[in-house]
Amino acid sequence: MIDVTCAIIRNEDDEILVVQRGEKTDHPFRWEFPGGKLLEGESEEDCIIREIREELTMDIVICSRLPAFEHDYGHKQIRLIPFVCDTLDDIPFLTEHVAFKWLAPGELPGVGFSEADIPVAGEYLKFINYQEGLTTEIPATSANSIREADFVLTLENTHGRKEAEWLAELAAEKEDVLARLINFSFSTDNKLSSKASWSLSKIHDKHPEISARFIPMIIGSLDKLASESVRRSFLKIISLGDISILTRKQHGLLADYCFRMLRSGFSSIAVKAYSMEIIYRLALVYPELTGELAATINLLHDEKSAGILAKGRIILKRLGGSS
């Protein structure tokens, strides 16, 4: 029996990523949830994170685990271990598959899946129906504060966009919740920090005036971030915010950081995309940045992500340059 992990990856619109196998594979042109074999001594969680980075150049956050399914293909028997994951990277770079698409959950039954993936899709639909039937409630609190243990439990139970938006609305009403989201964004627990910063990014959608209050703080903290997920969320918040309220010094810190992220070989697709957008907006204030931005974008011609190349062409067109 071969242990294989797979990821049901959701984007911010709750769509699911499916990928298509190539012609010269065991299951030609069949669709599947991405993943791969467990290595000796590797945990199942580490396996799926590694496989998704290798196969799709994407960063994911594990939210839940579904029951494992065993399947006998005749020439091999596999035990498929599914994880429900979230991502902010909408455009994967395919290294082993020939196509991808994002689907609404209701479209999954019509997909031509490999046989082992069919029960996984069915189990996920049961999972989300169950989740939607639950009422998300924050544990009982005093009028002015939320106990640390209760707040951690709330974050741990944040599994999707609706829950993140609910927590963001609560933070807009309660200063204590907002402060804790900010504090937990710097937690050494990657799962908690990712979910906290993701909820912070949802605040801007309906309450940009609130996110404007903590944007200067997160600019000053960017170099302290170890989590790529938090980095993505923070840069997204800044890219959507009003940079005119920032000081010249903050503009300089932001430009320096974003140029470093663009030139880094380790930055995720989303981090580079948000960095590019932020520098473009700074270049509208400081035209002297235009040439450096155009040159940096042109150096991305070896970038593996089609999404980054497309974003670069759009920015160059806005700058009045050419790709």
C-alpha atoms as a PDB file:
ATOM      1  CA  MET A   1       0.000   0.000   0.000  1.00  0.00           C
ATOM      2  CA  ILE A   2       1.426   3.371  -1.085  1.00  0.00           C
ATOM      3  CA  ASP A   3       0.562   6.386   1.072  1.00  0.00           C
ATOM      4  CA  VAL A   4      -0.259   9.419  -1.086  1.00  0.00           C
ATOM      5  CA  THR A   5      -1.380  12.851   0.106  1.00  0.00           C
ATOM      6  CA  CYS A   6      -3.590  15.188  -1.894  1.00  0.00           C
ATOM      7  CA  ALA A   7      -4.758  18.778  -1.391  1.00  0.00           C
ATOM      8  CA  ILE A   8      -8.224  20.219  -1.894  1.00  0.00           C
ATOM      9  CA  ILE A   9      -6.984  23.772  -2.407  1.00  0.00           C
ATOM     10  CA  ARG A  10      -9.442  26.656  -2.021  1.00  0.00           C
ATOM     11  CA  ASN A  11      -8.913  30.217  -3.187  1.00  0.00           C
ATOM     12  CA  GLU A  12     -10.503  33.331  -1.696  1.00  0.00           C
ATOM     13  CA  ASP A  13     -13.704  32.706  -3.685  1.00  0.00           C
ATOM     14  CA  ASP A  14     -13.983  29.180  -2.213  1.00  0.00           C
ATOM     15  CA  GLU A  15     -13.236  27.675  -5.630  1.00  0.00           C
ATOM     16  CA  ILE A  16     -11.337  24.379  -5.762  1.00  0.00           C
ATOM     17  CA  LEU A  17      -8.158  23.726  -7.767  1.00  0.00           C
ATOM     18  CA  VAL A  18      -8.053  20.609  -9.943  1.00  0.00           C
ATOM     19  CA  VAL A  19      -5.172  19.643 -12.231  1.00  0.00           C
ATOM     20  CA  GLN A  20      -5.006  17.435 -15.329  1.00  0.00           C
ATOM     21  CA  ARG A  21      -2.527  14.625 -15.883  1.00  0.00           C
ATOM     22  CA  GLY A  22      -0.582  14.390 -19.135  1.00  0.00           C
ATOM     23  CA  GLU A  23      -0.815  11.847 -21.942  1.00  0.00           C
ATOM     24  CA  LYS A  24       2.142   9.690 -20.810  1.00  0.00           C
ATOM     25  CA  THR A  25       0.938   9.046 -17.255  1.00  0.00           C
ATOM     26  CA  ASP A  26      -0.881   6.218 -15.474  1.00  0.00           C
ATOM     27  CA  HIS A  27      -4.188   8.016 -15.932  1.00  0.00           C
ATOM     28  CA  PRO A  28      -3.857  10.101 -19.120  1.00  0.00           C
ATOM     29  CA  PHE A  29      -5.850  13.334 -19.226  1.00  0.00           C
ATOM     30  CA  ARG A  30      -7.700  12.529 -16.006  1.00  0.00           C
ATOM     31  CA  TRP A  31      -8.199  15.295 -13.445  1.00  0.00           C
ATOM     32  CA  GLU A  32      -7.090  15.025  -9.834  1.00  0.00           C
ATOM     33  CA  PHE A  33      -6.406  16.890  -6.637  1.00  0.00           C
ATOM     34  CA  PRO A  34      -2.659  17.663  -6.596  1.00  0.00           C
ATOM     35  CA  GLY A  35      -0.332  15.843  -4.240  1.00  0.00           C
ATOM     36  CA  GLY A  36       2.169  12.993  -4.097  1.00  0.00           C
ATOM     37  CA  LYS A  37       3.825  10.102  -2.304  1.00  0.00           C
ATOM     38  CA  LEU A  38       4.887  10.253   1.304  1.00  0.00           C
ATOM     39  CA  LEU A  39       8.663  10.072   1.741  1.00  0.00           C
ATOM     40  CA  GLU A  40      10.267   7.900   4.402  1.00  0.00           C
ATOM     41  CA  GLY A  41      10.297   9.682   7.761  1.00  0.00           C
ATOM     42  CA  GLU A  42       8.110  12.529   6.449  1.00  0.00           C
ATOM     43  CA  SER A  43       4.891  13.583   8.159  1.00  0.00           C
ATOM     44  CA  GLU A  44       1.736  13.667   6.059  1.00  0.00           C
ATOM     45  CA  GLU A  45       1.393  17.433   6.614  1.00  0.00           C
ATOM     46  CA  ASP A  46       4.986  18.104   5.537  1.00  0.00           C
ATOM     47  CA  CYS A  47       4.445  15.880   2.506  1.00  0.00           C
ATOM     48  CA  ILE A  48       1.482  17.790   1.104  1.00  0.00           C
ATOM     49  CA  ILE A  49       3.119  21.191   1.661  1.00  0.00           C
ATOM     50  CA  ARG A  50       6.290  19.964  -0.115  1.00  0.00           C
ATOM     51  CA  GLU A  51       4.381  18.358  -2.982  1.00  0.00           C
ATOM     52  CA  ILE A  52       2.312  21.459  -3.697  1.00  0.00           C
ATOM     53  CA  ARG A  53       5.410  23.652  -3.716  1.00  0.00           C
ATOM     54  CA  GLU A  54       7.204  21.243  -6.077  1.00  0.00           C
ATOM     55  CA  GLU A  55       4.255  20.603  -8.390  1.00  0.00           C
ATOM     56  CA  LEU A  56       2.592  24.022  -8.460  1.00  0.00           C
ATOM     57  CA  THR A  57       5.005  26.536  -6.854  1.00  0.00           C
ATOM     58  CA  MET A  58       2.180  27.474  -4.489  1.00  0.00           C
ATOM     59  CA  ASP A  59       2.040  28.085  -0.748  1.00  0.00           C
ATOM     60  CA  ILE A  60      -0.861  26.555   1.148  1.00  0.00           C
ATOM     61  CA  VAL A  61      -2.255  26.603   4.665  1.00  0.00           C
ATOM     62  CA  ILE A  62      -3.666  23.293   5.942  1.00  0.00           C
ATOM     63  CA  CYS A  63      -7.131  23.816   7.435  1.00  0.00           C
ATOM     64  CA  SER A  64      -8.587  20.331   7.855  1.00  0.00           C
ATOM     65  CA  ARG A  65      -7.979  16.680   7.135  1.00  0.00           C
ATOM     66  CA  LEU A  66     -10.540  14.357   5.553  1.00  0.00           C
ATOM     67  CA  PRO A  67     -10.778  10.564   5.954  1.00  0.00           C
ATOM     68  CA  ALA A  68      -8.263   8.525   3.929  1.00  0.00           C
ATOM     69  CA  PHE A  69      -9.488   6.363   1.044  1.00  0.00           C
ATOM     70  CA  GLU A  70      -7.905   3.160  -0.239  1.00  0.00           C
ATOM     71  CA  HIS A  71      -8.032   2.246  -3.913  1.00  0.00           C
ATOM     72  CA  ASP A  72      -6.728  -0.727  -5.887  1.00  0.00           C
ATOM     73  CA  TYR A  73      -5.653   0.212  -9.413  1.00  0.00           C
ATOM     74  CA  GLY A  74      -4.575  -3.357 -10.104  1.00  0.00           C
ATOM     75  CA  HIS A  75      -0.920  -2.584 -10.655  1.00  0.00           C
ATOM     76  CA  LYS A  76      -0.751  -0.624  -7.406  1.00  0.00           C
ATOM     77  CA  GLN A  77      -2.741   0.014  -4.259  1.00  0.00           C
ATOM     78  CA  ILE A  78      -2.825   3.497  -2.765  1.00  0.00           C
ATOM     79  CA  ARG A  79      -4.074   5.094   0.412  1.00  0.00           C
ATOM     80  CA  LEU A  80      -5.108   8.645  -0.481  1.00  0.00           C
ATOM     81  CA  ILE A  81      -4.895  11.120   2.413  1.00  0.00           C
ATOM     82  CA  PRO A  82      -6.784  14.374   1.640  1.00  0.00           C
ATOM     83  CA  PHE A  83      -6.168  17.762   3.240  1.00  0.00           C
ATOM     84  CA  VAL A  84      -8.406  20.822   2.879  1.00  0.00           C
ATOM     85  CA  CYS A  85      -6.124  23.813   2.291  1.00  0.00           C
ATOM     86  CA  ASP A  86      -6.360  27.523   1.579  1.00  0.00           C
ATOM     87  CA  THR A  87      -4.129  29.636  -0.639  1.00  0.00           C
ATOM     88  CA  LEU A  88      -3.768  33.208  -1.870  1.00  0.00           C
ATOM     89  CA  ASP A  89      -1.835  32.082  -4.974  1.00  0.00           C
ATOM     90  CA  ASP A  90      -4.398  31.917  -7.775  1.00  0.00           C
ATOM     91  CA  ILE A  91      -2.030  31.025 -10.641  1.00  0.00           C
ATOM     92  CA  PRO A  92      -0.041  27.797 -10.226  1.00  0.00           C
ATOM     93  CA  PHE A  93       3.096  27.010 -12.230  1.00  0.00           C
ATOM     94  CA  LEU A  94       2.581  23.484 -13.550  1.00  0.00           C
ATOM     95  CA  THR A  95       5.641  21.229 -13.405  1.00  0.00           C
ATOM     96  CA  GLU A  96       3.926  17.818 -13.697  1.00  0.00           C
ATOM     97  CA  HIS A  97       0.443  18.511 -15.064  1.00  0.00           C
ATOM     98  CA  VAL A  98      -0.810  19.872 -18.387  1.00  0.00           C
ATOM     99  CA  ALA A  99      -3.740  22.037 -17.249  1.00  0.00           C
ATOM    100  CA  PHE A 100      -5.530  23.429 -14.225  1.00  0.00           C
ATOM    101  CA  LYS A 101      -8.854  25.047 -13.455  1.00  0.00           C
ATOM    102  CA  TRP A 102     -10.665  26.562 -10.487  1.00  0.00           C
ATOM    103  CA  LEU A 103     -14.165  25.171  -9.958  1.00  0.00           C
ATOM    104  CA  ALA A 104     -17.092  25.926  -7.691  1.00  0.00           C
ATOM    105  CA  PRO A 105     -17.702  23.008  -5.319  1.00  0.00           C
ATOM    106  CA  GLY A 106     -20.951  22.176  -7.120  1.00  0.00           C
ATOM    107  CA  GLU A 107     -19.005  21.539 -10.333  1.00  0.00           C
ATOM    108  CA  LEU A 108     -16.845  18.769  -8.842  1.00  0.00           C
ATOM    109  CA  PRO A 109     -19.294  15.902  -9.579  1.00  0.00           C
ATOM    110  CA  GLY A 110     -18.978  16.613 -13.305  1.00  0.00           C
ATOM    111  CA  VAL A 111     -15.169  16.398 -13.402  1.00  0.00           C
ATOM    112  CA  GLY A 112     -13.462  13.425 -15.076  1.00  0.00           C
ATOM    113  CA  PHE A 113     -11.445  12.476 -11.993  1.00  0.00           C
ATOM    114  CA  SER A 114      -9.023   9.600 -11.583  1.00  0.00           C
ATOM    115  CA  GLU A 115     -10.847   6.795  -9.748  1.00  0.00           C
ATOM    116  CA  ALA A 116      -9.145   7.372  -6.383  1.00  0.00           C
ATOM    117  CA  ASP A 117     -10.095  11.066  -6.385  1.00  0.00           C
ATOM    118  CA  ILE A 118     -13.826  10.518  -6.895  1.00  0.00           C
ATOM    119  CA  PRO A 119     -14.638   9.599  -3.257  1.00  0.00           C
ATOM    120  CA  VAL A 120     -12.412  12.476  -2.068  1.00  0.00           C
ATOM    121  CA  ALA A 121     -14.546  14.955  -4.033  1.00  0.00           C
ATOM    122  CA  GLY A 122     -17.699  13.434  -2.567  1.00  0.00           C
ATOM    123  CA  GLU A 123     -16.328  13.593   0.972  1.00  0.00           C
ATOM    124  CA  TYR A 124     -15.376  17.270   0.514  1.00  0.00           C
ATOM    125  CA  LEU A 125     -18.935  18.112  -0.542  1.00  0.00           C
ATOM    126  CA  LYS A 126     -20.198  16.413   2.633  1.00  0.00           C
ATOM    127  CA  PHE A 127     -17.586  18.350   4.612  1.00  0.00           C
ATOM    128  CA  ILE A 128     -18.662  21.786   3.362  1.00  0.00           C
ATOM    129  CA  ASN A 129     -22.346  20.955   3.785  1.00  0.00           C
ATOM    130  CA  TYR A 130     -21.595  20.084   7.395  1.00  0.00           C
ATOM    131  CA  GLN A 131     -19.509  23.247   7.887  1.00  0.00           C
ATOM    132  CA  GLU A 132     -22.263  25.431   6.449  1.00  0.00           C
ATOM    133  CA  GLY A 133     -24.699  23.863   8.882  1.00  0.00           C
ATOM    134  CA  LEU A 134     -22.622  24.960  11.849  1.00  0.00           C
ATOM    135  CA  THR A 135     -23.104  28.339  13.503  1.00  0.00           C
ATOM    136  CA  THR A 136     -19.762  30.035  13.979  1.00  0.00           C
ATOM    137  CA  GLU A 137     -19.741  31.564  17.432  1.00  0.00           C
ATOM    138  CA  ILE A 138     -16.983  33.113  19.439  1.00  0.00           C
ATOM    139  CA  PRO A 139     -16.743  31.696  22.960  1.00  0.00           C
ATOM    140  CA  ALA A 140     -18.481  33.647  25.717  1.00  0.00           C
ATOM    141  CA  THR A 141     -16.421  36.694  26.699  1.00  0.00           C
ATOM    142  CA  SER A 142     -16.581  39.734  28.882  1.00  0.00           C
ATOM    143  CA  ALA A 143     -17.679  42.984  27.327  1.00  0.00           C
ATOM    144  CA  ASN A 144     -14.144  44.274  26.818  1.00  0.00           C
ATOM    145  CA  SER A 145     -11.895  41.271  26.318  1.00  0.00           C
ATOM    146  CA  ILE A 146     -11.550  37.750  24.970  1.00  0.00           C
ATOM    147  CA  ARG A 147      -9.586  35.124  26.841  1.00  0.00           C
ATOM    148  CA  GLU A 148      -6.378  34.047  25.118  1.00  0.00           C
ATOM    149  CA  ALA A 149      -7.384  30.373  24.989  1.00  0.00           C
ATOM    150  CA  ASP A 150     -10.788  31.245  23.514  1.00  0.00           C
ATOM    151  CA  PHE A 151      -9.227  33.419  20.853  1.00  0.00           C
ATOM    152  CA  VAL A 152      -6.734  30.716  19.861  1.00  0.00           C
ATOM    153  CA  LEU A 153      -9.628  28.256  19.561  1.00  0.00           C
ATOM    154  CA  THR A 154     -11.515  30.713  17.362  1.00  0.00           C
ATOM    155  CA  LEU A 155      -8.532  31.117  15.045  1.00  0.00           C
ATOM    156  CA  GLU A 156      -7.944  27.372  14.876  1.00  0.00           C
ATOM    157  CA  ASN A 157     -11.580  26.901  13.820  1.00  0.00           C
ATOM    158  CA  THR A 158     -11.329  29.451  11.012  1.00  0.00           C
ATOM    159  CA  HIS A 159     -11.446  27.150   7.990  1.00  0.00           C
ATOM    160  CA  GLY A 160     -12.683  29.295   5.118  1.00  0.00           C
ATOM    161  CA  ARG A 161     -13.429  32.707   3.672  1.00  0.00           C
ATOM    162  CA  LYS A 162     -16.785  33.144   5.430  1.00  0.00           C
ATOM    163  CA  GLU A 163     -15.268  32.520   8.849  1.00  0.00           C
ATOM    164  CA  ALA A 164     -12.339  34.855   8.122  1.00  0.00           C
ATOM    165  CA  GLU A 165     -14.791  37.575   7.060  1.00  0.00           C
ATOM    166  CA  TRP A 166     -16.860  37.000  10.206  1.00  0.00           C
ATOM    167  CA  LEU A 167     -13.763  37.395  12.381  1.00  0.00           C
ATOM    168  CA  ALA A 168     -12.814  40.552  10.436  1.00  0.00           C
ATOM    169  CA  GLU A 169     -16.262  42.034  11.139  1.00  0.00           C
ATOM    170  CA  LEU A 170     -15.835  41.260  14.823  1.00  0.00           C
ATOM    171  CA  ALA A 171     -12.423  42.965  14.791  1.00  0.00           C
ATOM    172  CA  ALA A 172     -14.024  46.040  13.215  1.00  0.00           C
ATOM    173  CA  GLU A 173     -16.345  46.232  16.212  1.00  0.00           C
ATOM    174  CA  LYS A 174     -13.994  45.189  19.020  1.00  0.00           C
ATOM    175  CA  GLU A 175     -10.601  46.822  19.520  1.00  0.00           C
ATOM    176  CA  ASP A 176      -9.524  43.832  21.603  1.00  0.00           C
ATOM    177  CA  VAL A 177     -10.132  41.433  18.710  1.00  0.00           C
ATOM    178  CA  LEU A 178      -8.288  43.698  16.284  1.00  0.00           C
ATOM    179  CA  ALA A 179      -5.290  43.925  18.616  1.00  0.00           C
ATOM    180  CA  ARG A 180      -5.191  40.164  19.026  1.00  0.00           C
ATOM    181  CA  LEU A 181      -5.355  39.565  15.268  1.00  0.00           C
ATOM    182  CA  ILE A 182      -2.382  41.870  14.839  1.00  0.00           C
ATOM    183  CA  ASN A 183      -0.462  40.192  17.672  1.00  0.00           C
ATOM    184  CA  PHE A 184      -1.187  36.664  16.433  1.00  0.00           C
ATOM    185  CA  SER A 185       0.002  37.635  12.949  1.00  0.00           C
ATOM    186  CA  PHE A 186       3.498  37.585  14.475  1.00  0.00           C
ATOM    187  CA  SER A 187       3.021  34.250  16.234  1.00  0.00           C
ATOM    188  CA  THR A 188       5.684  31.569  15.772  1.00  0.00           C
ATOM    189  CA  ASP A 189       2.800  29.167  15.125  1.00  0.00           C
ATOM    190  CA  ASN A 190       2.524  29.429  11.330  1.00  0.00           C
ATOM    191  CA  LYS A 191      -1.048  28.170  11.253  1.00  0.00           C
ATOM    192  CA  LEU A 192      -2.264  30.788  13.734  1.00  0.00           C
ATOM    193  CA  SER A 193      -0.253  33.627  12.178  1.00  0.00           C
ATOM    194  CA  SER A 194      -1.544  32.783   8.695  1.00  0.00           C
ATOM    195  CA  LYS A 195      -5.177  32.748   9.785  1.00  0.00           C
ATOM    196  CA  ALA A 196      -4.832  35.927  11.839  1.00  0.00           C
ATOM    197  CA  SER A 197      -3.199  37.898   9.004  1.00  0.00           C
ATOM    198  CA  TRP A 198      -5.732  36.497   6.508  1.00  0.00           C
ATOM    199  CA  SER A 199      -8.583  37.811   8.676  1.00  0.00           C
ATOM    200  CA  LEU A 200      -6.804  41.186   8.884  1.00  0.00           C
ATOM    201  CA  SER A 201      -6.712  41.317   5.072  1.00  0.00           C
ATOM    202  CA  LYS A 202     -10.497  40.893   5.037  1.00  0.00           C
ATOM    203  CA  ILE A 203     -11.009  44.004   7.160  1.00  0.00           C
ATOM    204  CA  HIS A 204      -9.989  46.296   4.311  1.00  0.00           C
ATOM    205  CA  ASP A 205     -12.798  45.030   2.054  1.00  0.00           C
ATOM    206  CA  LYS A 206     -15.492  46.703   4.164  1.00  0.00           C
ATOM    207  CA  HIS A 207     -13.562  48.885   6.606  1.00  0.00           C
ATOM    208  CA  PRO A 208     -10.548  50.454   4.836  1.00  0.00           C
ATOM    209  CA  GLU A 209     -10.431  53.186   7.461  1.00  0.00           C
ATOM    210  CA  ILE A 210      -9.587  50.563  10.082  1.00  0.00           C
ATOM    211  CA  SER A 211      -6.824  48.906   8.081  1.00  0.00           C
ATOM    212  CA  ALA A 212      -5.355  52.369   7.438  1.00  0.00           C
ATOM    213  CA  ARG A 213      -4.628  52.589  11.156  1.00  0.00           C
ATOM    214  CA  PHE A 214      -2.344  49.552  11.252  1.00  0.00           C
ATOM    215  CA  ILE A 215      -0.708  49.784   7.797  1.00  0.00           C
ATOM    216  CA  PRO A 216       2.187  51.958   9.116  1.00  0.00           C
ATOM    217  CA  MET A 217       2.843  49.366  11.824  1.00  0.00           C
ATOM    218  CA  ILE A 218       2.990  46.419   9.429  1.00  0.00           C
ATOM    219  CA  ILE A 219       5.312  48.337   7.081  1.00  0.00           C
ATOM    220  CA  GLY A 220       7.754  48.715   9.941  1.00  0.00           C
ATOM    221  CA  SER A 221       7.482  44.997  10.704  1.00  0.00           C
ATOM    222  CA  LEU A 222       7.894  43.487   7.235  1.00  0.00           C
ATOM    223  CA  ASP A 223      11.538  42.559   7.736  1.00  0.00           C
ATOM    224  CA  LYS A 224      10.631  40.648  10.895  1.00  0.00           C
ATOM    225  CA  LEU A 225       8.234  38.268   9.123  1.00  0.00           C
ATOM    226  CA  ALA A 226       9.229  34.631   8.790  1.00  0.00           C
ATOM    227  CA  SER A 227       5.912  33.384   7.390  1.00  0.00           C
ATOM    228  CA  GLU A 228       5.329  33.709   3.648  1.00  0.00           C
ATOM    229  CA  SER A 229       1.577  33.510   4.232  1.00  0.00           C
ATOM    230  CA  VAL A 230       1.655  36.513   6.568  1.00  0.00           C
ATOM    231  CA  ARG A 231       3.905  38.366   4.136  1.00  0.00           C
ATOM    232  CA  ARG A 232       1.332  37.812   1.379  1.00  0.00           C
ATOM    233  CA  SER A 233      -1.545  39.044   3.529  1.00  0.00           C
ATOM    234  CA  PHE A 234       0.331  42.130   4.737  1.00  0.00           C
ATOM    235  CA  LEU A 235       1.429  43.125   1.227  1.00  0.00           C
ATOM    236  CA  LYS A 236      -2.116  42.616  -0.011  1.00  0.00           C
ATOM    237  CA  ILE A 237      -3.410  44.992   2.680  1.00  0.00           C
ATOM    238  CA  ILE A 238      -0.796  47.611   1.730  1.00  0.00           C
ATOM    239  CA  SER A 239      -1.464  47.223  -2.005  1.00  0.00           C
ATOM    240  CA  LEU A 240      -5.152  47.975  -1.424  1.00  0.00           C
ATOM    241  CA  GLY A 241      -4.581  50.821   1.032  1.00  0.00           C
ATOM    242  CA  ASP A 242      -4.106  54.556   0.556  1.00  0.00           C
ATOM    243  CA  ILE A 243      -0.340  55.097   0.364  1.00  0.00           C
ATOM    244  CA  SER A 244      -0.800  58.870   0.372  1.00  0.00           C
ATOM    245  CA  ILE A 245      -1.305  58.725   4.155  1.00  0.00           C
ATOM    246  CA  LEU A 246       2.186  57.277   4.631  1.00  0.00           C
ATOM    247  CA  THR A 247       5.315  59.306   5.359  1.00  0.00           C
ATOM    248  CA  ARG A 248       8.224  59.639   2.956  1.00  0.00           C
ATOM    249  CA  LYS A 249      10.283  57.377   5.220  1.00  0.00           C
ATOM    250  CA  GLN A 250       7.582  54.699   5.110  1.00  0.00           C
ATOM    251  CA  HIS A 251       7.456  55.017   1.333  1.00  0.00           C
ATOM    252  CA  GLY A 252      11.211  54.414   1.229  1.00  0.00           C
ATOM    253  CA  LEU A 253      11.023  51.349   3.486  1.00  0.00           C
ATOM    254  CA  LEU A 254       8.200  49.945   1.424  1.00  0.00           C
ATOM    255  CA  ALA A 255       9.949  50.508  -1.926  1.00  0.00           C
ATOM    256  CA  ASP A 256      13.156  48.896  -0.678  1.00  0.00           C
ATOM    257  CA  TYR A 257      11.316  45.867   0.698  1.00  0.00           C
ATOM    258  CA  CYS A 258       9.156  45.314  -2.389  1.00  0.00           C
ATOM    259  CA  PHE A 259      12.128  45.567  -4.759  1.00  0.00           C
ATOM    260  CA  ARG A 260      13.889  42.916  -2.667  1.00  0.00           C
ATOM    261  CA  MET A 261      10.839  40.647  -2.848  1.00  0.00           C
ATOM    262  CA  LEU A 262      10.629  41.098  -6.621  1.00  0.00           C
ATOM    263  CA  ARG A 263      14.289  40.192  -7.096  1.00  0.00           C
ATOM    264  CA  SER A 264      14.232  37.287  -4.665  1.00  0.00           C
ATOM    265  CA  GLY A 265      14.265  33.783  -6.057  1.00  0.00           C
ATOM    266  CA  PHE A 266      12.329  32.558  -3.018  1.00  0.00           C
ATOM    267  CA  SER A 267       9.315  34.895  -2.976  1.00  0.00           C
ATOM    268  CA  SER A 268       5.939  33.376  -3.769  1.00  0.00           C
ATOM    269  CA  ILE A 269       3.879  34.357  -6.803  1.00  0.00           C
ATOM    270  CA  ALA A 270       1.453  36.432  -4.720  1.00  0.00           C
ATOM    271  CA  VAL A 271       4.227  38.278  -2.875  1.00  0.00           C
ATOM    272  CA  LYS A 272       5.837  39.297  -6.168  1.00  0.00           C
ATOM    273  CA  ALA A 273       2.511  40.360  -7.662  1.00  0.00           C
ATOM    274  CA  TYR A 274       1.598  42.527  -4.657  1.00  0.00           C
ATOM    275  CA  SER A 275       5.132  43.968  -4.528  1.00  0.00           C
ATOM    276  CA  MET A 276       4.920  44.937  -8.181  1.00  0.00           C
ATOM    277  CA  GLU A 277       1.594  46.702  -7.659  1.00  0.00           C
ATOM    278  CA  ILE A 278       2.877  48.587  -4.600  1.00  0.00           C
ATOM    279  CA  ILE A 279       6.011  49.837  -6.396  1.00  0.00           C
ATOM    280  CA  TYR A 280       3.897  50.923  -9.357  1.00  0.00           C
ATOM    281  CA  ARG A 281       1.726  53.029  -7.053  1.00  0.00           C
ATOM    282  CA  LEU A 282       4.832  54.494  -5.412  1.00  0.00           C
ATOM    283  CA  ALA A 283       6.217  55.317  -8.861  1.00  0.00           C
ATOM    284  CA  LEU A 284       3.189  57.509  -9.474  1.00  0.00           C
ATOM    285  CA  VAL A 285       4.338  59.594  -6.493  1.00  0.00           C
ATOM    286  CA  TYR A 286       8.084  59.240  -7.167  1.00  0.00           C
ATOM    287  CA  PRO A 287       8.605  59.084 -10.967  1.00  0.00           C
ATOM    288  CA  GLU A 288      12.303  58.298 -10.436  1.00  0.00           C
ATOM    289  CA  LEU A 289      11.241  54.759  -9.442  1.00  0.00           C
ATOM    290  CA  THR A 290       9.759  54.121 -12.875  1.00  0.00           C
ATOM    291  CA  GLY A 291      13.012  53.175 -14.597  1.00  0.00           C
ATOM    292  CA  GLU A 292      14.085  50.831 -11.802  1.00  0.00           C
ATOM    293  CA  LEU A 293      10.690  49.147 -11.751  1.00  0.00           C
ATOM    294  CA  ALA A 294      10.669  48.653 -15.533  1.00  0.00           C
ATOM    295  CA  ALA A 295      14.206  47.238 -15.437  1.00  0.00           C
ATOM    296  CA  THR A 296      13.324  44.867 -12.596  1.00  0.00           C
ATOM    297  CA  ILE A 297      10.221  43.627 -14.429  1.00  0.00           C
ATOM    298  CA  ASN A 298      12.241  43.027 -17.587  1.00  0.00           C
ATOM    299  CA  LEU A 299      14.652  40.891 -15.569  1.00  0.00           C
ATOM    300  CA  LEU A 300      11.781  38.576 -14.684  1.00  0.00           C
ATOM    301  CA  HIS A 301      11.789  37.021 -18.174  1.00  0.00           C
ATOM    302  CA  ASP A 302      13.064  33.755 -16.658  1.00  0.00           C
ATOM    303  CA  GLU A 303      10.279  33.746 -14.072  1.00  0.00           C
ATOM    304  CA  LYS A 304       8.434  30.423 -14.139  1.00  0.00           C
ATOM    305  CA  SER A 305       5.017  31.845 -13.337  1.00  0.00           C
ATOM    306  CA  ALA A 306       2.914  32.914 -16.301  1.00  0.00           C
ATOM    307  CA  GLY A 307       0.886  35.000 -13.862  1.00  0.00           C
ATOM    308  CA  ILE A 308       3.892  37.090 -12.827  1.00  0.00           C
ATOM    309  CA  LEU A 309       4.914  37.632 -16.452  1.00  0.00           C
ATOM    310  CA  ALA A 310       1.382  38.730 -17.322  1.00  0.00           C
ATOM    311  CA  LYS A 311       1.282  41.065 -14.314  1.00  0.00           C
ATOM    312  CA  GLY A 312       4.626  42.513 -15.392  1.00  0.00           C
ATOM    313  CA  ARG A 313       3.344  43.227 -18.889  1.00  0.00           C
ATOM    314  CA  ILE A 314       0.315  45.020 -17.444  1.00  0.00           C
ATOM    315  CA  ILE A 315       2.501  47.175 -15.189  1.00  0.00           C
ATOM    316  CA  LEU A 316       4.865  47.997 -18.058  1.00  0.00           C
ATOM    317  CA  LYS A 317       1.946  49.056 -20.189  1.00  0.00           C
ATOM    318  CA  ARG A 318       0.729  51.305 -17.397  1.00  0.00           C
ATOM    319  CA  LEU A 319       4.186  52.802 -17.085  1.00  0.00           C
ATOM    320  CA  GLY A 320       4.182  53.519 -20.799  1.00  0.00           C
ATOM    321  CA  GLY A 321       6.947  50.958 -21.441  1.00  0.00           C
ATOM    322  CA  SER A 322       6.994  47.825 -23.536  1.00  0.00           C
ATOM    323  CA  SER A 323       7.520  44.187 -22.634  1.00  0.00           C
END
